[in-house]
Amino acid sequence: MAGTIRMDAVVDGLGWSPRQVRRRVRAQLGLPPKRLARLVRFQRTLDRLEQDLETPLARVAVDLGFYDEAHMAADFRDLAGRTPGSERSRRAPA
């Protein structure tokens, strides 16, 4: 699940320290892992809202690794300046 892997799982898999993982991800991609994961999850949310106009937003949030719908809405508002519901309405066929 892109954007939802826990740092401890990455650290265990690589055998590096959390600090080293953060440093290497930032050096290679220009973003700290947490911000990168947030952006990946945001992109997945956009894709899902475009493809799936039926599933309740609470289910979409859980499917994408958010704690709940309010968490998804807050992240979405921070990154897009609107709510997932308004984005879904905007993408719905007329």
PDB file of N, CA and C in Angstrom:
ATOM      1  N   MET A   1       0.851  -1.176   0.000  1.00  0.00           N
ATOM      2  CA  MET A   1       0.000   0.000   0.000  1.00  0.00           C
ATOM      3  C   MET A   1       0.893   1.234   0.000  1.00  0.00           C
ATOM      4  N   ALA A   2       1.017   1.841  -1.135  1.00  0.00           N
ATOM      5  CA  ALA A   2       1.868   3.021  -1.286  1.00  0.00           C
ATOM      6  C   ALA A   2       1.464   4.118  -0.324  1.00  0.00           C
ATOM      7  N   GLY A   3       2.462   4.640   0.372  1.00  0.00           N
ATOM      8  CA  GLY A   3       2.208   5.730   1.294  1.00  0.00           C
ATOM      9  C   GLY A   3       1.747   5.317   2.670  1.00  0.00           C
ATOM     10  N   THR A   4       1.675   4.014   2.936  1.00  0.00           N
ATOM     11  CA  THR A   4       1.179   3.577   4.241  1.00  0.00           C
ATOM     12  C   THR A   4       2.130   2.649   4.983  1.00  0.00           C
ATOM     13  N   ILE A   5       3.341   2.455   4.483  1.00  0.00           N
ATOM     14  CA  ILE A   5       4.297   1.581   5.150  1.00  0.00           C
ATOM     15  C   ILE A   5       4.870   2.314   6.367  1.00  0.00           C
ATOM     16  N   ARG A   6       4.924   1.625   7.484  1.00  0.00           N
ATOM     17  CA  ARG A   6       5.447   2.241   8.712  1.00  0.00           C
ATOM     18  C   ARG A   6       6.975   2.300   8.666  1.00  0.00           C
ATOM     19  N   MET A   7       7.523   3.349   9.251  1.00  0.00           N
ATOM     20  CA  MET A   7       8.971   3.544   9.263  1.00  0.00           C
ATOM     21  C   MET A   7       9.689   2.367   9.916  1.00  0.00           C
ATOM     22  N   ASP A   8       9.132   1.806  10.988  1.00  0.00           N
ATOM     23  CA  ASP A   8       9.807   0.685  11.644  1.00  0.00           C
ATOM     24  C   ASP A   8       9.909  -0.531  10.726  1.00  0.00           C
ATOM     25  N   ALA A   9       8.942  -0.704   9.838  1.00  0.00           N
ATOM     26  CA  ALA A   9       9.004  -1.810   8.876  1.00  0.00           C
ATOM     27  C   ALA A   9      10.128  -1.569   7.862  1.00  0.00           C
ATOM     28  N   VAL A  10      10.294  -0.335   7.445  1.00  0.00           N
ATOM     29  CA  VAL A  10      11.369   0.010   6.508  1.00  0.00           C
ATOM     30  C   VAL A  10      12.719  -0.199   7.190  1.00  0.00           C
ATOM     31  N   VAL A  11      12.843   0.304   8.397  1.00  0.00           N
ATOM     32  CA  VAL A  11      14.091   0.179   9.158  1.00  0.00           C
ATOM     33  C   VAL A  11      14.449  -1.297   9.346  1.00  0.00           C
ATOM     34  N   ASP A  12      13.475  -2.106   9.754  1.00  0.00           N
ATOM     35  CA  ASP A  12      13.716  -3.538   9.953  1.00  0.00           C
ATOM     36  C   ASP A  12      14.145  -4.213   8.653  1.00  0.00           C
ATOM     37  N   GLY A  13      13.490  -3.843   7.563  1.00  0.00           N
ATOM     38  CA  GLY A  13      13.796  -4.457   6.267  1.00  0.00           C
ATOM     39  C   GLY A  13      15.171  -4.100   5.731  1.00  0.00           C
ATOM     40  N   LEU A  14      15.618  -2.885   6.004  1.00  0.00           N
ATOM     41  CA  LEU A  14      16.904  -2.429   5.485  1.00  0.00           C
ATOM     42  C   LEU A  14      18.066  -2.659   6.445  1.00  0.00           C
ATOM     43  N   GLY A  15      17.743  -2.720   7.728  1.00  0.00           N
ATOM     44  CA  GLY A  15      18.804  -2.844   8.713  1.00  0.00           C
ATOM     45  C   GLY A  15      19.510  -1.520   8.984  1.00  0.00           C
ATOM     46  N   TRP A  16      18.905  -0.420   8.609  1.00  0.00           N
ATOM     47  CA  TRP A  16      19.463   0.915   8.859  1.00  0.00           C
ATOM     48  C   TRP A  16      18.763   1.527  10.062  1.00  0.00           C
ATOM     49  N   SER A  17      19.332   2.595  10.572  1.00  0.00           N
ATOM     50  CA  SER A  17      18.679   3.339  11.650  1.00  0.00           C
ATOM     51  C   SER A  17      17.583   4.217  11.050  1.00  0.00           C
ATOM     52  N   PRO A  18      16.585   4.599  11.852  1.00  0.00           N
ATOM     53  CA  PRO A  18      15.550   5.509  11.342  1.00  0.00           C
ATOM     54  C   PRO A  18      16.149   6.805  10.787  1.00  0.00           C
ATOM     55  N   ARG A  19      17.176   7.301  11.471  1.00  0.00           N
ATOM     56  CA  ARG A  19      17.814   8.539  11.006  1.00  0.00           C
ATOM     57  C   ARG A  19      18.449   8.349   9.625  1.00  0.00           C
ATOM     58  N   GLN A  20      19.103   7.232   9.432  1.00  0.00           N
ATOM     59  CA  GLN A  20      19.743   6.973   8.146  1.00  0.00           C
ATOM     60  C   GLN A  20      18.698   6.838   7.034  1.00  0.00           C
ATOM     61  N   VAL A  21      17.588   6.179   7.321  1.00  0.00           N
ATOM     62  CA  VAL A  21      16.517   6.068   6.315  1.00  0.00           C
ATOM     63  C   VAL A  21      16.012   7.460   5.950  1.00  0.00           C
ATOM     64  N   ARG A  22      15.721   8.283   6.960  1.00  0.00           N
ATOM     65  CA  ARG A  22      15.236   9.647   6.685  1.00  0.00           C
ATOM     66  C   ARG A  22      16.243  10.431   5.852  1.00  0.00           C
ATOM     67  N   ARG A  23      17.512  10.329   6.211  1.00  0.00           N
ATOM     68  CA  ARG A  23      18.556  11.054   5.498  1.00  0.00           C
ATOM     69  C   ARG A  23      18.661  10.601   4.038  1.00  0.00           C
ATOM     70  N   ARG A  24      18.631   9.310   3.827  1.00  0.00           N
ATOM     71  CA  ARG A  24      18.775   8.786   2.455  1.00  0.00           C
ATOM     72  C   ARG A  24      17.550   9.083   1.588  1.00  0.00           C
ATOM     73  N   VAL A  25      16.372   8.960   2.167  1.00  0.00           N
ATOM     74  CA  VAL A  25      15.166   9.281   1.399  1.00  0.00           C
ATOM     75  C   VAL A  25      15.188  10.760   1.006  1.00  0.00           C
ATOM     76  N   ARG A  26      15.521  11.624   1.961  1.00  0.00           N
ATOM     77  CA  ARG A  26      15.579  13.057   1.666  1.00  0.00           C
ATOM     78  C   ARG A  26      16.649  13.354   0.612  1.00  0.00           C
ATOM     79  N   ALA A  27      17.798  12.721   0.696  1.00  0.00           N
ATOM     80  CA  ALA A  27      18.868  12.951  -0.275  1.00  0.00           C
ATOM     81  C   ALA A  27      18.459  12.504  -1.677  1.00  0.00           C
ATOM     82  N   GLN A  28      17.772  11.378  -1.765  1.00  0.00           N
ATOM     83  CA  GLN A  28      17.391  10.837  -3.074  1.00  0.00           C
ATOM     84  C   GLN A  28      16.155  11.496  -3.668  1.00  0.00           C
ATOM     85  N   LEU A  29      15.186  11.838  -2.819  1.00  0.00           N
ATOM     86  CA  LEU A  29      13.893  12.298  -3.321  1.00  0.00           C
ATOM     87  C   LEU A  29      13.566  13.744  -2.968  1.00  0.00           C
ATOM     88  N   GLY A  30      14.370  14.341  -2.090  1.00  0.00           N
ATOM     89  CA  GLY A  30      14.172  15.746  -1.766  1.00  0.00           C
ATOM     90  C   GLY A  30      13.098  16.022  -0.726  1.00  0.00           C
ATOM     91  N   LEU A  31      12.528  14.977  -0.164  1.00  0.00           N
ATOM     92  CA  LEU A  31      11.482  15.122   0.844  1.00  0.00           C
ATOM     93  C   LEU A  31      11.732  14.143   1.975  1.00  0.00           C
ATOM     94  N   PRO A  32      11.343  14.514   3.198  1.00  0.00           N
ATOM     95  CA  PRO A  32      11.414  13.524   4.269  1.00  0.00           C
ATOM     96  C   PRO A  32      10.374  12.431   4.040  1.00  0.00           C
ATOM     97  N   PRO A  33      10.611  11.230   4.555  1.00  0.00           N
ATOM     98  CA  PRO A  33       9.697  10.111   4.304  1.00  0.00           C
ATOM     99  C   PRO A  33       8.241  10.394   4.653  1.00  0.00           C
ATOM    100  N   LYS A  34       8.009  11.071   5.770  1.00  0.00           N
ATOM    101  CA  LYS A  34       6.631  11.325   6.193  1.00  0.00           C
ATOM    102  C   LYS A  34       5.895  12.207   5.180  1.00  0.00           C
ATOM    103  N   ARG A  35       6.550  13.250   4.706  1.00  0.00           N
ATOM    104  CA  ARG A  35       5.928  14.127   3.712  1.00  0.00           C
ATOM    105  C   ARG A  35       5.731  13.390   2.391  1.00  0.00           C
ATOM    106  N   LEU A  36       6.705  12.585   2.016  1.00  0.00           N
ATOM    107  CA  LEU A  36       6.581  11.792   0.795  1.00  0.00           C
ATOM    108  C   LEU A  36       5.381  10.857   0.891  1.00  0.00           C
ATOM    109  N   ALA A  37       5.250  10.163   2.016  1.00  0.00           N
ATOM    110  CA  ALA A  37       4.118   9.245   2.209  1.00  0.00           C
ATOM    111  C   ALA A  37       2.796  10.009   2.144  1.00  0.00           C
ATOM    112  N   ARG A  38       2.757  11.199   2.728  1.00  0.00           N
ATOM    113  CA  ARG A  38       1.534  12.014   2.716  1.00  0.00           C
ATOM    114  C   ARG A  38       1.152  12.384   1.285  1.00  0.00           C
ATOM    115  N   LEU A  39       2.143  12.769   0.471  1.00  0.00           N
ATOM    116  CA  LEU A  39       1.863  13.141  -0.915  1.00  0.00           C
ATOM    117  C   LEU A  39       1.440  11.940  -1.757  1.00  0.00           C
ATOM    118  N   VAL A  40       2.063  10.800  -1.516  1.00  0.00           N
ATOM    119  CA  VAL A  40       1.676   9.579  -2.237  1.00  0.00           C
ATOM    120  C   VAL A  40       0.238   9.215  -1.889  1.00  0.00           C
ATOM    121  N   ARG A  41      -0.095   9.284  -0.612  1.00  0.00           N
ATOM    122  CA  ARG A  41      -1.459   8.959  -0.187  1.00  0.00           C
ATOM    123  C   ARG A  41      -2.462   9.955  -0.754  1.00  0.00           C
ATOM    124  N   PHE A  42      -2.082  11.234  -0.831  1.00  0.00           N
ATOM    125  CA  PHE A  42      -2.949  12.252  -1.425  1.00  0.00           C
ATOM    126  C   PHE A  42      -3.210  11.927  -2.902  1.00  0.00           C
ATOM    127  N   GLN A  43      -2.168  11.564  -3.631  1.00  0.00           N
ATOM    128  CA  GLN A  43      -2.337  11.219  -5.045  1.00  0.00           C
ATOM    129  C   GLN A  43      -3.239   9.997  -5.195  1.00  0.00           C
ATOM    130  N   ARG A  44      -3.065   9.017  -4.328  1.00  0.00           N
ATOM    131  CA  ARG A  44      -3.932   7.830  -4.365  1.00  0.00           C
ATOM    132  C   ARG A  44      -5.379   8.215  -4.069  1.00  0.00           C
ATOM    133  N   THR A  45      -5.567   9.171  -3.169  1.00  0.00           N
ATOM    134  CA  THR A  45      -6.921   9.642  -2.855  1.00  0.00           C
ATOM    135  C   THR A  45      -7.532  10.305  -4.074  1.00  0.00           C
ATOM    136  N   LEU A  46      -6.780  11.185  -4.736  1.00  0.00           N
ATOM    137  CA  LEU A  46      -7.284  11.822  -5.959  1.00  0.00           C
ATOM    138  C   LEU A  46      -7.687  10.779  -7.001  1.00  0.00           C
ATOM    139  N   ASP A  47      -6.810   9.799  -7.207  1.00  0.00           N
ATOM    140  CA  ASP A  47      -7.100   8.745  -8.186  1.00  0.00           C
ATOM    141  C   ASP A  47      -8.371   7.987  -7.821  1.00  0.00           C
ATOM    142  N   ARG A  48      -8.510   7.636  -6.553  1.00  0.00           N
ATOM    143  CA  ARG A  48      -9.675   6.873  -6.106  1.00  0.00           C
ATOM    144  C   ARG A  48     -10.953   7.687  -6.263  1.00  0.00           C
ATOM    145  N   LEU A  49     -10.895   8.986  -5.921  1.00  0.00           N
ATOM    146  CA  LEU A  49     -12.089   9.824  -6.042  1.00  0.00           C
ATOM    147  C   LEU A  49     -12.513   9.983  -7.497  1.00  0.00           C
ATOM    148  N   GLU A  50     -11.566   9.956  -8.398  1.00  0.00           N
ATOM    149  CA  GLU A  50     -11.882  10.061  -9.820  1.00  0.00           C
ATOM    150  C   GLU A  50     -12.480   8.761 -10.358  1.00  0.00           C
ATOM    151  N   GLN A  51     -11.989   7.633  -9.878  1.00  0.00           N
ATOM    152  CA  GLN A  51     -12.413   6.342 -10.397  1.00  0.00           C
ATOM    153  C   GLN A  51     -13.645   5.777  -9.698  1.00  0.00           C
ATOM    154  N   ASP A  52     -13.861   6.169  -8.456  1.00  0.00           N
ATOM    155  CA  ASP A  52     -14.905   5.551  -7.639  1.00  0.00           C
ATOM    156  C   ASP A  52     -15.820   6.631  -7.073  1.00  0.00           C
ATOM    157  N   LEU A  53     -16.972   6.776  -7.685  1.00  0.00           N
ATOM    158  CA  LEU A  53     -17.923   7.799  -7.254  1.00  0.00           C
ATOM    159  C   LEU A  53     -18.987   7.239  -6.318  1.00  0.00           C
ATOM    160  N   GLU A  54     -18.922   5.949  -6.015  1.00  0.00           N
ATOM    161  CA  GLU A  54     -19.975   5.281  -5.248  1.00  0.00           C
ATOM    162  C   GLU A  54     -19.613   4.980  -3.792  1.00  0.00           C
ATOM    163  N   THR A  55     -18.395   4.537  -3.563  1.00  0.00           N
ATOM    164  CA  THR A  55     -17.996   4.097  -2.219  1.00  0.00           C
ATOM    165  C   THR A  55     -18.054   5.266  -1.235  1.00  0.00           C
ATOM    166  N   PRO A  56     -18.646   5.060  -0.070  1.00  0.00           N
ATOM    167  CA  PRO A  56     -18.677   6.139   0.930  1.00  0.00           C
ATOM    168  C   PRO A  56     -17.260   6.613   1.280  1.00  0.00           C
ATOM    169  N   LEU A  57     -17.122   7.900   1.538  1.00  0.00           N
ATOM    170  CA  LEU A  57     -15.807   8.472   1.812  1.00  0.00           C
ATOM    171  C   LEU A  57     -15.143   7.848   3.041  1.00  0.00           C
ATOM    172  N   ALA A  58     -15.920   7.452   4.024  1.00  0.00           N
ATOM    173  CA  ALA A  58     -15.342   6.803   5.201  1.00  0.00           C
ATOM    174  C   ALA A  58     -14.641   5.500   4.803  1.00  0.00           C
ATOM    175  N   ARG A  59     -15.235   4.741   3.900  1.00  0.00           N
ATOM    176  CA  ARG A  59     -14.630   3.488   3.422  1.00  0.00           C
ATOM    177  C   ARG A  59     -13.380   3.781   2.592  1.00  0.00           C
ATOM    178  N   VAL A  60     -13.448   4.808   1.750  1.00  0.00           N
ATOM    179  CA  VAL A  60     -12.291   5.213   0.946  1.00  0.00           C
ATOM    180  C   VAL A  60     -11.131   5.561   1.874  1.00  0.00           C
ATOM    181  N   ALA A  61     -11.411   6.318   2.923  1.00  0.00           N
ATOM    182  CA  ALA A  61     -10.369   6.727   3.872  1.00  0.00           C
ATOM    183  C   ALA A  61      -9.681   5.512   4.480  1.00  0.00           C
ATOM    184  N   VAL A  62     -10.455   4.564   4.963  1.00  0.00           N
ATOM    185  CA  VAL A  62      -9.886   3.369   5.587  1.00  0.00           C
ATOM    186  C   VAL A  62      -9.107   2.555   4.561  1.00  0.00           C
ATOM    187  N   ASP A  63      -9.654   2.398   3.361  1.00  0.00           N
ATOM    188  CA  ASP A  63      -8.974   1.643   2.304  1.00  0.00           C
ATOM    189  C   ASP A  63      -7.608   2.230   1.967  1.00  0.00           C
ATOM    190  N   LEU A  64      -7.492   3.546   2.065  1.00  0.00           N
ATOM    191  CA  LEU A  64      -6.252   4.218   1.682  1.00  0.00           C
ATOM    192  C   LEU A  64      -5.283   4.416   2.844  1.00  0.00           C
ATOM    193  N   GLY A  65      -5.634   3.905   4.018  1.00  0.00           N
ATOM    194  CA  GLY A  65      -4.708   3.940   5.135  1.00  0.00           C
ATOM    195  C   GLY A  65      -4.842   5.127   6.065  1.00  0.00           C
ATOM    196  N   PHE A  66      -5.893   5.922   5.903  1.00  0.00           N
ATOM    197  CA  PHE A  66      -6.145   7.007   6.845  1.00  0.00           C
ATOM    198  C   PHE A  66      -6.769   6.423   8.106  1.00  0.00           C
ATOM    199  N   TYR A  67      -6.599   7.115   9.218  1.00  0.00           N
ATOM    200  CA  TYR A  67      -7.184   6.666  10.479  1.00  0.00           C
ATOM    201  C   TYR A  67      -8.704   6.670  10.382  1.00  0.00           C
ATOM    202  N   ASP A  68      -9.255   7.734   9.786  1.00  0.00           N
ATOM    203  CA  ASP A  68     -10.697   7.853   9.596  1.00  0.00           C
ATOM    204  C   ASP A  68     -10.977   8.920   8.529  1.00  0.00           C
ATOM    205  N   GLU A  69     -12.242   9.149   8.259  1.00  0.00           N
ATOM    206  CA  GLU A  69     -12.626  10.115   7.222  1.00  0.00           C
ATOM    207  C   GLU A  69     -12.184  11.534   7.582  1.00  0.00           C
ATOM    208  N   ALA A  70     -12.247  11.890   8.854  1.00  0.00           N
ATOM    209  CA  ALA A  70     -11.839  13.238   9.274  1.00  0.00           C
ATOM    210  C   ALA A  70     -10.350  13.462   9.010  1.00  0.00           C
ATOM    211  N   HIS A  71      -9.531  12.446   9.231  1.00  0.00           N
ATOM    212  CA  HIS A  71      -8.090  12.526   8.954  1.00  0.00           C
ATOM    213  C   HIS A  71      -7.864  12.734   7.456  1.00  0.00           C
ATOM    214  N   MET A  72      -8.570  11.982   6.614  1.00  0.00           N
ATOM    215  CA  MET A  72      -8.452  12.146   5.171  1.00  0.00           C
ATOM    216  C   MET A  72      -8.880  13.554   4.763  1.00  0.00           C
ATOM    217  N   ALA A  73      -9.992  14.020   5.315  1.00  0.00           N
ATOM    218  CA  ALA A  73     -10.502  15.349   4.965  1.00  0.00           C
ATOM    219  C   ALA A  73      -9.516  16.443   5.363  1.00  0.00           C
ATOM    220  N   ALA A  74      -8.913  16.318   6.540  1.00  0.00           N
ATOM    221  CA  ALA A  74      -7.954  17.326   7.002  1.00  0.00           C
ATOM    222  C   ALA A  74      -6.713  17.348   6.108  1.00  0.00           C
ATOM    223  N   ASP A  75      -6.177  16.183   5.788  1.00  0.00           N
ATOM    224  CA  ASP A  75      -5.019  16.116   4.890  1.00  0.00           C
ATOM    225  C   ASP A  75      -5.374  16.682   3.520  1.00  0.00           C
ATOM    226  N   PHE A  76      -6.519  16.291   3.020  1.00  0.00           N
ATOM    227  CA  PHE A  76      -6.952  16.726   1.700  1.00  0.00           C
ATOM    228  C   PHE A  76      -7.105  18.247   1.666  1.00  0.00           C
ATOM    229  N   ARG A  77      -7.739  18.799   2.699  1.00  0.00           N
ATOM    230  CA  ARG A  77      -7.937  20.250   2.786  1.00  0.00           C
ATOM    231  C   ARG A  77      -6.595  20.977   2.839  1.00  0.00           C
ATOM    232  N   ASP A  78      -5.656  20.442   3.607  1.00  0.00           N
ATOM    233  CA  ASP A  78      -4.324  21.047   3.700  1.00  0.00           C
ATOM    234  C   ASP A  78      -3.609  21.061   2.350  1.00  0.00           C
ATOM    235  N   LEU A  79      -3.742  19.985   1.599  1.00  0.00           N
ATOM    236  CA  LEU A  79      -2.994  19.857   0.349  1.00  0.00           C
ATOM    237  C   LEU A  79      -3.723  20.406  -0.870  1.00  0.00           C
ATOM    238  N   ALA A  80      -5.054  20.364  -0.849  1.00  0.00           N
ATOM    239  CA  ALA A  80      -5.808  20.778  -2.044  1.00  0.00           C
ATOM    240  C   ALA A  80      -6.660  22.023  -1.823  1.00  0.00           C
ATOM    241  N   GLY A  81      -6.874  22.389  -0.578  1.00  0.00           N
ATOM    242  CA  GLY A  81      -7.691  23.565  -0.305  1.00  0.00           C
ATOM    243  C   GLY A  81      -9.186  23.330  -0.444  1.00  0.00           C
ATOM    244  N   ARG A  82      -9.581  22.066  -0.493  1.00  0.00           N
ATOM    245  CA  ARG A  82     -11.012  21.717  -0.564  1.00  0.00           C
ATOM    246  C   ARG A  82     -11.197  20.340   0.072  1.00  0.00           C
ATOM    247  N   THR A  83     -12.429  19.908   0.184  1.00  0.00           N
ATOM    248  CA  THR A  83     -12.713  18.632   0.831  1.00  0.00           C
ATOM    249  C   THR A  83     -12.753  17.496  -0.198  1.00  0.00           C
ATOM    250  N   PRO A  84     -12.587  16.251   0.254  1.00  0.00           N
ATOM    251  CA  PRO A  84     -12.721  15.123  -0.666  1.00  0.00           C
ATOM    252  C   PRO A  84     -14.113  15.077  -1.310  1.00  0.00           C
ATOM    253  N   GLY A  85     -15.150  15.421  -0.539  1.00  0.00           N
ATOM    254  CA  GLY A  85     -16.508  15.421  -1.101  1.00  0.00           C
ATOM    255  C   GLY A  85     -16.665  16.436  -2.218  1.00  0.00           C
ATOM    256  N   SER A  86     -16.108  17.622  -2.042  1.00  0.00           N
ATOM    257  CA  SER A  86     -16.207  18.625  -3.116  1.00  0.00           C
ATOM    258  C   SER A  86     -15.392  18.203  -4.331  1.00  0.00           C
ATOM    259  N   GLU A  87     -14.260  17.545  -4.077  1.00  0.00           N
ATOM    260  CA  GLU A  87     -13.445  17.051  -5.186  1.00  0.00           C
ATOM    261  C   GLU A  87     -14.183  15.959  -5.949  1.00  0.00           C
ATOM    262  N   ARG A  88     -14.834  15.074  -5.223  1.00  0.00           N
ATOM    263  CA  ARG A  88     -15.602  14.003  -5.872  1.00  0.00           C
ATOM    264  C   ARG A  88     -16.739  14.598  -6.710  1.00  0.00           C
ATOM    265  N   SER A  89     -17.429  15.587  -6.168  1.00  0.00           N
ATOM    266  CA  SER A  89     -18.521  16.246  -6.899  1.00  0.00           C
ATOM    267  C   SER A  89     -17.995  16.928  -8.166  1.00  0.00           C
ATOM    268  N   ARG A  90     -16.830  17.537  -8.040  1.00  0.00           N
ATOM    269  CA  ARG A  90     -16.219  18.231  -9.176  1.00  0.00           C
ATOM    270  C   ARG A  90     -15.865  17.242 -10.292  1.00  0.00           C
ATOM    271  N   ARG A  91     -15.489  16.050  -9.930  1.00  0.00           N
ATOM    272  CA  ARG A  91     -15.065  15.048 -10.910  1.00  0.00           C
ATOM    273  C   ARG A  91     -16.243  14.216 -11.462  1.00  0.00           C
ATOM    274  N   ALA A  92     -17.376  14.296 -10.820  1.00  0.00           N
ATOM    275  CA  ALA A  92     -18.542  13.501 -11.260  1.00  0.00           C
ATOM    276  C   ALA A  92     -19.038  13.999 -12.610  1.00  0.00           C
ATOM    277  N   PRO A  93     -19.488  13.076 -13.471  1.00  0.00           N
ATOM    278  CA  PRO A  93     -20.024  13.492 -14.766  1.00  0.00           C
ATOM    279  C   PRO A  93     -21.266  14.351 -14.584  1.00  0.00           C
ATOM    280  N   ALA A  94     -21.418  15.305 -15.433  1.00  0.00           N
ATOM    281  CA  ALA A  94     -22.558  16.240 -15.333  1.00  0.00           C
ATOM    282  C   ALA A  94     -23.864  15.619 -15.724  1.00  0.00           C
TER     283      ALA A  94
END
